[in-house]
Amino acid sequence: MKRNLARAWLCALVFFGGASCGYRPAYGERRPQERLTVVAAPPKIPRPSAVQAAVAGARARLSRAGVLTSGTAYPRLVIELVRIDEKSSGIQATRDATGARAPLARGSHIAVVGRAWVEPGAGRAPLRDTGDMRRIERRGAAADPVAEAVLHDDAIRAAARRLGSSLAGRVLGEVEPSVEPL
């Protein structure tokens, strides 16, 4: 009887003591209580479609979290794309129109780098700056120049959309890796 009572107390202690362990995320801040709009910072890259994709990705993530509102009012999440990097993932020797051998990329890794922050009001200091984050899209190459251009633009937009979603997640206090390896 005493042994069963001691086990019951021990189980209750473990259950109720473990329920309030004081865990807090190590990398995230607390989730914002206000509803946010999403705007783009003045562009630093000549790809408006990438900026639009990043903003769309951020809006989708904020909408899923229930903190998105329409318009451009404050407080707002500002998305800034910093640069686009590209690295070949392999090279193949092909023949060009003259019959000379020429290198052709077999595929590439396209990285979009950006950052985000919350502007609580006009002229007020930004909050929750994410720092630079990078998202990668891997793709194969096409021999046709038109198809290659379309694949390239699609990969940039896909990486930018994923980046926008990750930036919004970081602002929400969710743990997101800063950099995907290129």
N, C-alpha and C. Protein backbone atom coordinates (compact mmCIF):
# COMPACT_ATOMS: atom_id res chain seq x y z
N MET A 1 0.81 -1.18 0.00
CA MET A 1 0.00 0.00 0.00
C MET A 1 0.86 1.26 0.00
N LYS A 2 1.88 1.28 0.90
CA LYS A 2 2.77 2.44 0.96
C LYS A 2 3.56 2.57 -0.34
N ARG A 3 3.93 1.43 -0.90
CA ARG A 3 4.70 1.45 -2.14
C ARG A 3 3.85 2.03 -3.28
N ASN A 4 2.58 1.67 -3.36
CA ASN A 4 1.69 2.20 -4.40
C ASN A 4 1.45 3.69 -4.21
N LEU A 5 1.29 4.11 -2.96
CA LEU A 5 1.10 5.54 -2.67
C LEU A 5 2.35 6.34 -3.03
N ALA A 6 3.53 5.78 -2.75
CA ALA A 6 4.78 6.45 -3.11
C ALA A 6 4.93 6.56 -4.62
N ARG A 7 4.55 5.52 -5.34
CA ARG A 7 4.60 5.56 -6.81
C ARG A 7 3.63 6.61 -7.36
N ALA A 8 2.46 6.69 -6.78
CA ALA A 8 1.47 7.67 -7.23
C ALA A 8 1.99 9.09 -7.02
N TRP A 9 2.60 9.36 -5.86
CA TRP A 9 3.18 10.68 -5.60
C TRP A 9 4.32 10.97 -6.56
N LEU A 10 5.15 9.99 -6.81
CA LEU A 10 6.28 10.17 -7.73
C LEU A 10 5.78 10.47 -9.14
N CYS A 11 4.77 9.73 -9.58
CA CYS A 11 4.21 9.98 -10.91
C CYS A 11 3.59 11.38 -10.99
N ALA A 12 2.86 11.76 -9.95
CA ALA A 12 2.25 13.10 -9.94
C ALA A 12 3.31 14.18 -9.95
N LEU A 13 4.38 13.99 -9.19
CA LEU A 13 5.47 14.96 -9.16
C LEU A 13 6.13 15.10 -10.52
N VAL A 14 6.41 13.97 -11.17
CA VAL A 14 7.03 14.01 -12.50
C VAL A 14 6.09 14.66 -13.50
N PHE A 15 4.82 14.29 -13.47
CA PHE A 15 3.86 14.82 -14.43
C PHE A 15 3.67 16.33 -14.27
N PHE A 16 3.35 16.77 -13.07
CA PHE A 16 3.08 18.18 -12.86
C PHE A 16 4.36 19.02 -12.82
N GLY A 17 5.43 18.47 -12.34
CA GLY A 17 6.70 19.20 -12.32
C GLY A 17 7.28 19.37 -13.72
N GLY A 18 7.10 18.36 -14.58
CA GLY A 18 7.62 18.43 -15.95
C GLY A 18 6.77 19.29 -16.85
N ALA A 19 5.50 19.52 -16.49
CA ALA A 19 4.62 20.31 -17.34
C ALA A 19 5.04 21.77 -17.37
N SER A 20 5.71 22.24 -16.35
CA SER A 20 6.13 23.64 -16.33
C SER A 20 7.65 23.72 -16.21
N CYS A 21 8.32 23.18 -17.21
CA CYS A 21 9.78 23.09 -17.15
C CYS A 21 10.47 24.41 -17.46
N GLY A 22 9.74 25.40 -17.97
CA GLY A 22 10.34 26.69 -18.26
C GLY A 22 10.98 26.76 -19.64
N TYR A 23 10.66 25.81 -20.52
CA TYR A 23 11.24 25.80 -21.87
C TYR A 23 10.80 27.04 -22.63
N ARG A 24 11.76 27.64 -23.31
CA ARG A 24 11.50 28.75 -24.23
C ARG A 24 12.38 28.54 -25.45
N PRO A 25 11.92 28.94 -26.63
CA PRO A 25 12.76 28.78 -27.81
C PRO A 25 14.07 29.56 -27.67
N ALA A 26 15.15 28.94 -28.08
CA ALA A 26 16.47 29.57 -27.93
C ALA A 26 16.69 30.67 -28.96
N TYR A 27 16.13 30.52 -30.16
CA TYR A 27 16.45 31.45 -31.23
C TYR A 27 15.31 32.39 -31.60
N GLY A 28 14.11 32.08 -31.21
CA GLY A 28 12.99 32.90 -31.60
C GLY A 28 12.60 33.87 -30.50
N GLU A 29 12.02 34.96 -30.91
CA GLU A 29 11.45 35.88 -29.94
C GLU A 29 10.00 35.47 -29.72
N ARG A 30 9.31 36.21 -28.88
CA ARG A 30 7.91 35.86 -28.68
C ARG A 30 7.11 36.27 -29.91
N ARG A 31 6.06 35.53 -30.15
CA ARG A 31 5.22 35.73 -31.33
C ARG A 31 4.55 37.11 -31.26
N PRO A 32 4.53 37.84 -32.38
CA PRO A 32 3.90 39.16 -32.35
C PRO A 32 2.39 39.03 -32.14
N GLN A 33 1.85 39.92 -31.34
CA GLN A 33 0.41 39.92 -31.08
C GLN A 33 -0.33 40.79 -32.09
N GLU A 34 0.36 41.74 -32.70
CA GLU A 34 -0.29 42.63 -33.64
C GLU A 34 -0.41 41.96 -35.01
N ARG A 35 -1.34 42.47 -35.80
CA ARG A 35 -1.49 41.99 -37.17
C ARG A 35 -0.56 42.83 -38.05
N LEU A 36 0.04 42.19 -39.04
CA LEU A 36 1.05 42.84 -39.87
C LEU A 36 0.60 42.91 -41.32
N THR A 37 1.01 43.98 -42.00
CA THR A 37 0.91 44.05 -43.45
C THR A 37 2.31 43.73 -43.99
N VAL A 38 2.41 43.47 -45.27
CA VAL A 38 3.69 43.12 -45.88
C VAL A 38 3.97 44.08 -47.02
N VAL A 39 5.16 44.68 -47.03
CA VAL A 39 5.59 45.57 -48.10
C VAL A 39 7.02 45.21 -48.49
N ALA A 40 7.39 45.63 -49.68
CA ALA A 40 8.76 45.42 -50.16
C ALA A 40 9.58 46.67 -49.94
N ALA A 41 10.82 46.48 -49.55
CA ALA A 41 11.76 47.60 -49.43
C ALA A 41 12.18 48.02 -50.84
N PRO A 42 12.76 49.20 -50.99
CA PRO A 42 13.25 49.57 -52.31
C PRO A 42 14.19 48.49 -52.84
N PRO A 43 13.99 48.08 -54.10
CA PRO A 43 14.73 46.92 -54.62
C PRO A 43 16.23 47.17 -54.79
N LYS A 44 17.00 46.13 -54.46
CA LYS A 44 18.44 46.16 -54.68
C LYS A 44 18.83 45.22 -55.82
N ILE A 45 17.86 44.46 -56.32
CA ILE A 45 18.12 43.55 -57.42
C ILE A 45 17.17 43.89 -58.58
N PRO A 46 17.58 43.62 -59.82
CA PRO A 46 16.73 43.99 -60.96
C PRO A 46 15.74 42.88 -61.33
N ARG A 47 15.09 42.28 -60.37
CA ARG A 47 14.13 41.20 -60.61
C ARG A 47 12.83 41.47 -59.86
N PRO A 48 11.93 42.26 -60.43
CA PRO A 48 10.67 42.54 -59.73
C PRO A 48 9.86 41.29 -59.45
N SER A 49 9.96 40.27 -60.31
CA SER A 49 9.19 39.05 -60.07
C SER A 49 9.69 38.32 -58.82
N ALA A 50 10.98 38.42 -58.53
CA ALA A 50 11.52 37.80 -57.31
C ALA A 50 11.02 38.52 -56.08
N VAL A 51 10.97 39.85 -56.15
CA VAL A 51 10.47 40.64 -55.01
C VAL A 51 9.00 40.31 -54.76
N GLN A 52 8.21 40.22 -55.83
CA GLN A 52 6.79 39.88 -55.69
C GLN A 52 6.62 38.48 -55.11
N ALA A 53 7.46 37.54 -55.53
CA ALA A 53 7.37 36.17 -55.00
C ALA A 53 7.73 36.13 -53.51
N ALA A 54 8.74 36.88 -53.10
CA ALA A 54 9.12 36.92 -51.68
C ALA A 54 7.99 37.52 -50.83
N VAL A 55 7.38 38.58 -51.32
CA VAL A 55 6.27 39.20 -50.59
C VAL A 55 5.09 38.22 -50.52
N ALA A 56 4.82 37.50 -51.61
CA ALA A 56 3.73 36.52 -51.61
C ALA A 56 4.01 35.39 -50.62
N GLY A 57 5.26 34.93 -50.55
CA GLY A 57 5.62 33.88 -49.60
C GLY A 57 5.44 34.34 -48.16
N ALA A 58 5.83 35.58 -47.88
CA ALA A 58 5.66 36.13 -46.53
C ALA A 58 4.19 36.28 -46.18
N ARG A 59 3.40 36.76 -47.12
CA ARG A 59 1.97 36.92 -46.87
C ARG A 59 1.31 35.57 -46.59
N ALA A 60 1.69 34.56 -47.35
CA ALA A 60 1.11 33.22 -47.14
C ALA A 60 1.44 32.70 -45.74
N ARG A 61 2.68 32.88 -45.30
CA ARG A 61 3.08 32.39 -43.97
C ARG A 61 2.37 33.16 -42.86
N LEU A 62 2.28 34.48 -43.00
CA LEU A 62 1.58 35.28 -41.99
C LEU A 62 0.08 34.97 -41.97
N SER A 63 -0.48 34.69 -43.13
CA SER A 63 -1.89 34.33 -43.21
C SER A 63 -2.16 33.02 -42.49
N ARG A 64 -1.29 32.03 -42.69
CA ARG A 64 -1.45 30.75 -41.99
C ARG A 64 -1.36 30.93 -40.48
N ALA A 65 -0.54 31.89 -40.04
CA ALA A 65 -0.39 32.15 -38.60
C ALA A 65 -1.52 33.02 -38.05
N GLY A 66 -2.34 33.60 -38.93
CA GLY A 66 -3.46 34.42 -38.48
C GLY A 66 -3.09 35.84 -38.09
N VAL A 67 -1.94 36.35 -38.58
CA VAL A 67 -1.53 37.71 -38.21
C VAL A 67 -1.39 38.63 -39.42
N LEU A 68 -1.92 38.23 -40.57
CA LEU A 68 -1.83 39.07 -41.77
C LEU A 68 -3.04 39.98 -41.87
N THR A 69 -2.78 41.22 -42.28
CA THR A 69 -3.86 42.14 -42.60
C THR A 69 -3.51 42.81 -43.93
N SER A 70 -4.51 43.32 -44.60
CA SER A 70 -4.28 43.91 -45.93
C SER A 70 -3.84 45.36 -45.83
N GLY A 71 -3.33 45.86 -46.93
CA GLY A 71 -2.92 47.26 -47.00
C GLY A 71 -1.44 47.43 -46.76
N THR A 72 -1.06 48.66 -46.45
CA THR A 72 0.34 48.99 -46.19
C THR A 72 0.49 49.75 -44.88
N ALA A 73 -0.51 49.66 -44.01
CA ALA A 73 -0.49 50.39 -42.74
C ALA A 73 0.54 49.78 -41.78
N TYR A 74 0.83 50.51 -40.74
CA TYR A 74 1.74 50.04 -39.70
C TYR A 74 0.96 49.25 -38.66
N PRO A 75 1.58 48.33 -37.99
CA PRO A 75 2.92 47.78 -38.16
C PRO A 75 2.97 46.92 -39.42
N ARG A 76 4.16 46.88 -40.02
CA ARG A 76 4.30 46.14 -41.27
C ARG A 76 5.62 45.41 -41.33
N LEU A 77 5.59 44.31 -42.04
CA LEU A 77 6.78 43.52 -42.29
C LEU A 77 7.39 44.01 -43.60
N VAL A 78 8.64 44.42 -43.55
CA VAL A 78 9.33 44.92 -44.73
C VAL A 78 10.29 43.84 -45.22
N ILE A 79 10.16 43.46 -46.49
CA ILE A 79 11.00 42.43 -47.11
C ILE A 79 11.99 43.11 -48.04
N GLU A 80 13.27 42.78 -47.89
CA GLU A 80 14.31 43.34 -48.75
C GLU A 80 15.13 42.20 -49.33
N LEU A 81 15.17 42.10 -50.66
CA LEU A 81 16.03 41.12 -51.32
C LEU A 81 17.37 41.79 -51.59
N VAL A 82 18.44 41.12 -51.16
CA VAL A 82 19.78 41.70 -51.23
C VAL A 82 20.51 41.30 -52.50
N ARG A 83 20.46 40.00 -52.82
CA ARG A 83 21.18 39.55 -54.02
C ARG A 83 20.68 38.18 -54.45
N ILE A 84 21.08 37.80 -55.67
CA ILE A 84 20.82 36.47 -56.21
C ILE A 84 22.16 35.89 -56.60
N ASP A 85 22.46 34.69 -56.09
CA ASP A 85 23.69 33.99 -56.42
C ASP A 85 23.36 32.76 -57.25
N GLU A 86 24.30 32.36 -58.10
CA GLU A 86 24.10 31.15 -58.89
C GLU A 86 25.41 30.38 -58.99
N LYS A 87 25.30 29.06 -58.91
CA LYS A 87 26.47 28.20 -59.00
C LYS A 87 26.12 27.00 -59.86
N SER A 88 26.98 26.68 -60.78
CA SER A 88 26.77 25.53 -61.65
C SER A 88 26.90 24.24 -60.85
N SER A 89 26.06 23.27 -61.16
CA SER A 89 26.15 21.99 -60.47
C SER A 89 26.77 20.91 -61.34
N GLY A 90 27.32 21.28 -62.47
CA GLY A 90 27.99 20.35 -63.35
C GLY A 90 28.11 20.97 -64.73
N ILE A 91 29.10 20.52 -65.50
CA ILE A 91 29.33 21.07 -66.84
C ILE A 91 29.44 19.92 -67.83
N GLN A 92 28.89 20.13 -69.01
CA GLN A 92 28.96 19.16 -70.09
C GLN A 92 29.53 19.85 -71.31
N ALA A 93 30.37 19.17 -72.05
CA ALA A 93 30.92 19.72 -73.28
C ALA A 93 29.94 19.42 -74.41
N THR A 94 29.50 20.47 -75.13
CA THR A 94 28.58 20.31 -76.26
C THR A 94 29.19 20.99 -77.48
N ARG A 95 28.57 20.80 -78.60
CA ARG A 95 29.01 21.46 -79.83
C ARG A 95 28.07 22.62 -80.13
N ASP A 96 28.66 23.78 -80.48
CA ASP A 96 27.82 24.92 -80.84
C ASP A 96 27.51 24.87 -82.33
N ALA A 97 26.92 25.93 -82.89
CA ALA A 97 26.49 25.96 -84.29
C ALA A 97 27.66 25.83 -85.26
N THR A 98 28.85 26.24 -84.85
CA THR A 98 30.02 26.15 -85.74
C THR A 98 30.73 24.81 -85.61
N GLY A 99 30.29 23.98 -84.69
CA GLY A 99 30.92 22.68 -84.48
C GLY A 99 32.00 22.69 -83.41
N ALA A 100 32.30 23.85 -82.87
CA ALA A 100 33.30 23.95 -81.81
C ALA A 100 32.71 23.45 -80.49
N ARG A 101 33.55 22.89 -79.66
CA ARG A 101 33.08 22.41 -78.35
C ARG A 101 32.89 23.61 -77.42
N ALA A 102 31.80 23.59 -76.69
CA ALA A 102 31.48 24.67 -75.77
C ALA A 102 30.92 24.07 -74.48
N PRO A 103 31.22 24.69 -73.35
CA PRO A 103 30.68 24.16 -72.09
C PRO A 103 29.20 24.54 -71.92
N LEU A 104 28.44 23.63 -71.33
CA LEU A 104 27.04 23.87 -71.03
C LEU A 104 26.78 23.39 -69.61
N ALA A 105 26.19 24.23 -68.82
CA ALA A 105 25.87 23.84 -67.44
C ALA A 105 24.82 22.74 -67.46
N ARG A 106 25.02 21.70 -66.65
CA ARG A 106 24.05 20.60 -66.53
C ARG A 106 22.90 20.99 -65.61
N GLY A 107 23.15 21.93 -64.76
CA GLY A 107 22.16 22.39 -63.81
C GLY A 107 22.78 23.50 -62.98
N SER A 108 22.00 24.07 -62.11
CA SER A 108 22.56 25.11 -61.27
C SER A 108 21.79 25.20 -59.95
N HIS A 109 22.45 25.82 -59.01
CA HIS A 109 21.85 26.14 -57.72
C HIS A 109 21.67 27.65 -57.70
N ILE A 110 20.45 28.08 -57.50
CA ILE A 110 20.16 29.51 -57.48
C ILE A 110 19.78 29.89 -56.05
N ALA A 111 20.47 30.87 -55.50
CA ALA A 111 20.23 31.30 -54.13
C ALA A 111 19.72 32.73 -54.12
N VAL A 112 18.69 32.97 -53.34
CA VAL A 112 18.16 34.32 -53.16
C VAL A 112 18.43 34.70 -51.70
N VAL A 113 19.06 35.84 -51.50
CA VAL A 113 19.43 36.31 -50.17
C VAL A 113 18.60 37.56 -49.86
N GLY A 114 18.04 37.60 -48.66
CA GLY A 114 17.24 38.75 -48.26
C GLY A 114 17.15 38.86 -46.75
N ARG A 115 16.45 39.87 -46.31
CA ARG A 115 16.24 40.10 -44.89
C ARG A 115 14.87 40.75 -44.70
N ALA A 116 14.41 40.78 -43.47
CA ALA A 116 13.11 41.39 -43.18
C ALA A 116 13.16 42.01 -41.78
N TRP A 117 12.27 42.93 -41.54
CA TRP A 117 12.13 43.55 -40.23
C TRP A 117 10.71 44.10 -40.11
N VAL A 118 10.32 44.39 -38.89
CA VAL A 118 8.99 44.95 -38.63
C VAL A 118 9.15 46.44 -38.36
N GLU A 119 8.41 47.25 -39.08
CA GLU A 119 8.33 48.68 -38.81
C GLU A 119 7.08 48.93 -37.98
N PRO A 120 7.22 49.30 -36.70
CA PRO A 120 6.05 49.48 -35.86
C PRO A 120 5.28 50.76 -36.17
N GLY A 121 5.93 51.74 -36.77
CA GLY A 121 5.28 53.00 -37.10
C GLY A 121 6.23 53.88 -37.89
N ALA A 122 5.70 54.94 -38.48
CA ALA A 122 6.53 55.85 -39.27
C ALA A 122 7.57 56.51 -38.38
N GLY A 123 8.82 56.43 -38.78
CA GLY A 123 9.90 57.07 -38.05
C GLY A 123 10.35 56.33 -36.80
N ARG A 124 9.76 55.18 -36.51
CA ARG A 124 10.16 54.42 -35.33
C ARG A 124 11.20 53.38 -35.71
N ALA A 125 12.01 52.99 -34.75
CA ALA A 125 13.09 52.03 -34.99
C ALA A 125 12.52 50.66 -35.35
N PRO A 126 13.14 49.98 -36.34
CA PRO A 126 12.64 48.66 -36.73
C PRO A 126 12.84 47.64 -35.61
N LEU A 127 11.96 46.64 -35.61
CA LEU A 127 12.00 45.55 -34.64
C LEU A 127 12.18 44.22 -35.37
N ARG A 128 12.63 43.21 -34.65
CA ARG A 128 12.70 41.83 -35.13
C ARG A 128 13.43 41.69 -36.46
N ASP A 129 14.56 42.32 -36.60
CA ASP A 129 15.37 42.19 -37.82
C ASP A 129 15.85 40.75 -37.93
N THR A 130 15.63 40.14 -39.08
CA THR A 130 15.98 38.73 -39.26
C THR A 130 17.45 38.52 -39.59
N GLY A 131 18.14 39.56 -40.03
CA GLY A 131 19.48 39.36 -40.57
C GLY A 131 19.36 38.70 -41.94
N ASP A 132 20.48 38.53 -42.62
CA ASP A 132 20.44 37.93 -43.95
C ASP A 132 20.07 36.45 -43.86
N MET A 133 19.18 36.04 -44.74
CA MET A 133 18.80 34.64 -44.87
C MET A 133 18.91 34.27 -46.34
N ARG A 134 19.19 32.98 -46.60
CA ARG A 134 19.36 32.53 -47.99
C ARG A 134 18.56 31.25 -48.20
N ARG A 135 17.85 31.19 -49.34
CA ARG A 135 17.15 29.99 -49.74
C ARG A 135 17.60 29.61 -51.15
N ILE A 136 17.73 28.30 -51.37
CA ILE A 136 18.30 27.74 -52.60
C ILE A 136 17.23 27.00 -53.39
N GLU A 137 17.30 27.09 -54.68
CA GLU A 137 16.49 26.27 -55.58
C GLU A 137 17.46 25.59 -56.55
N ARG A 138 17.35 24.28 -56.66
CA ARG A 138 18.20 23.51 -57.58
C ARG A 138 17.40 23.17 -58.81
N ARG A 139 18.04 23.24 -59.97
CA ARG A 139 17.33 22.96 -61.22
C ARG A 139 18.26 22.38 -62.25
N GLY A 140 17.69 21.69 -63.20
CA GLY A 140 18.44 21.17 -64.33
C GLY A 140 18.50 22.22 -65.43
N ALA A 141 19.40 22.01 -66.37
CA ALA A 141 19.56 22.96 -67.47
C ALA A 141 18.82 22.46 -68.70
N ALA A 142 18.50 23.37 -69.59
CA ALA A 142 17.87 23.05 -70.87
C ALA A 142 18.80 23.49 -71.99
N ALA A 143 18.79 22.74 -73.07
CA ALA A 143 19.65 23.09 -74.21
C ALA A 143 19.10 24.28 -74.97
N ASP A 144 17.80 24.43 -75.01
CA ASP A 144 17.15 25.53 -75.72
C ASP A 144 17.28 26.81 -74.89
N PRO A 145 17.78 27.90 -75.46
CA PRO A 145 17.96 29.14 -74.70
C PRO A 145 16.66 29.72 -74.12
N VAL A 146 15.55 29.59 -74.84
CA VAL A 146 14.29 30.11 -74.33
C VAL A 146 13.83 29.29 -73.12
N ALA A 147 13.89 27.97 -73.25
CA ALA A 147 13.51 27.10 -72.12
C ALA A 147 14.44 27.33 -70.94
N GLU A 148 15.71 27.56 -71.20
CA GLU A 148 16.68 27.83 -70.13
C GLU A 148 16.31 29.11 -69.38
N ALA A 149 15.93 30.14 -70.12
CA ALA A 149 15.55 31.41 -69.48
C ALA A 149 14.30 31.24 -68.61
N VAL A 150 13.34 30.46 -69.10
CA VAL A 150 12.11 30.23 -68.34
C VAL A 150 12.43 29.43 -67.07
N LEU A 151 13.25 28.37 -67.19
CA LEU A 151 13.63 27.58 -66.02
C LEU A 151 14.38 28.43 -64.99
N HIS A 152 15.25 29.30 -65.48
CA HIS A 152 16.03 30.18 -64.60
C HIS A 152 15.11 31.13 -63.82
N ASP A 153 14.18 31.77 -64.52
CA ASP A 153 13.25 32.69 -63.86
C ASP A 153 12.34 31.96 -62.87
N ASP A 154 11.89 30.77 -63.24
CA ASP A 154 11.05 29.98 -62.32
C ASP A 154 11.80 29.61 -61.06
N ALA A 155 13.07 29.25 -61.19
CA ALA A 155 13.88 28.88 -60.03
C ALA A 155 14.11 30.08 -59.11
N ILE A 156 14.34 31.25 -59.70
CA ILE A 156 14.51 32.46 -58.89
C ILE A 156 13.24 32.77 -58.12
N ARG A 157 12.10 32.69 -58.78
CA ARG A 157 10.83 32.96 -58.10
C ARG A 157 10.55 31.94 -57.00
N ALA A 158 10.85 30.67 -57.25
CA ALA A 158 10.61 29.63 -56.23
C ALA A 158 11.50 29.85 -55.01
N ALA A 159 12.76 30.17 -55.23
CA ALA A 159 13.67 30.44 -54.10
C ALA A 159 13.23 31.69 -53.34
N ALA A 160 12.79 32.71 -54.06
CA ALA A 160 12.34 33.96 -53.42
C ALA A 160 11.07 33.72 -52.61
N ARG A 161 10.16 32.91 -53.11
CA ARG A 161 8.92 32.62 -52.36
C ARG A 161 9.26 31.87 -51.07
N ARG A 162 10.15 30.88 -51.16
CA ARG A 162 10.56 30.16 -49.95
C ARG A 162 11.26 31.08 -48.97
N LEU A 163 12.07 32.00 -49.50
CA LEU A 163 12.77 32.96 -48.64
C LEU A 163 11.76 33.87 -47.92
N GLY A 164 10.77 34.39 -48.64
CA GLY A 164 9.75 35.23 -48.01
C GLY A 164 9.03 34.50 -46.90
N SER A 165 8.71 33.24 -47.12
CA SER A 165 8.05 32.44 -46.09
C SER A 165 8.96 32.26 -44.88
N SER A 166 10.23 31.99 -45.12
CA SER A 166 11.18 31.81 -44.02
C SER A 166 11.40 33.10 -43.23
N LEU A 167 11.47 34.22 -43.94
CA LEU A 167 11.63 35.51 -43.26
C LEU A 167 10.43 35.79 -42.35
N ALA A 168 9.24 35.52 -42.84
CA ALA A 168 8.04 35.73 -42.02
C ALA A 168 8.04 34.78 -40.83
N GLY A 169 8.48 33.55 -41.04
CA GLY A 169 8.57 32.60 -39.93
C GLY A 169 9.53 33.06 -38.86
N ARG A 170 10.66 33.60 -39.27
CA ARG A 170 11.64 34.11 -38.30
C ARG A 170 11.06 35.27 -37.51
N VAL A 171 10.33 36.16 -38.16
CA VAL A 171 9.70 37.29 -37.47
C VAL A 171 8.64 36.79 -36.50
N LEU A 172 7.97 35.69 -36.84
CA LEU A 172 6.96 35.12 -35.96
C LEU A 172 7.57 34.41 -34.75
N GLY A 173 8.90 34.28 -34.75
CA GLY A 173 9.56 33.62 -33.63
C GLY A 173 9.77 32.14 -33.86
N GLU A 174 9.49 31.66 -35.05
CA GLU A 174 9.70 30.24 -35.37
C GLU A 174 11.16 30.04 -35.74
N VAL A 175 11.70 28.90 -35.38
CA VAL A 175 13.10 28.63 -35.65
C VAL A 175 13.27 28.35 -37.14
N GLU A 176 14.10 29.11 -37.80
CA GLU A 176 14.39 28.98 -39.23
C GLU A 176 15.89 29.06 -39.42
N PRO A 177 16.46 28.16 -40.21
CA PRO A 177 17.89 28.29 -40.49
C PRO A 177 18.15 29.54 -41.31
N SER A 178 19.26 30.20 -41.04
CA SER A 178 19.57 31.44 -41.78
C SER A 178 20.03 31.15 -43.20
N VAL A 179 20.89 30.15 -43.34
CA VAL A 179 21.52 29.93 -44.64
C VAL A 179 21.38 28.47 -45.04
N GLU A 180 20.95 28.26 -46.28
CA GLU A 180 21.01 26.94 -46.87
C GLU A 180 22.32 26.89 -47.66
N PRO A 181 23.07 25.79 -47.59
CA PRO A 181 24.35 25.75 -48.29
C PRO A 181 24.16 25.81 -49.81
N LEU A 182 25.02 26.55 -50.46
CA LEU A 182 24.94 26.72 -51.91
C LEU A 182 25.71 25.64 -52.61
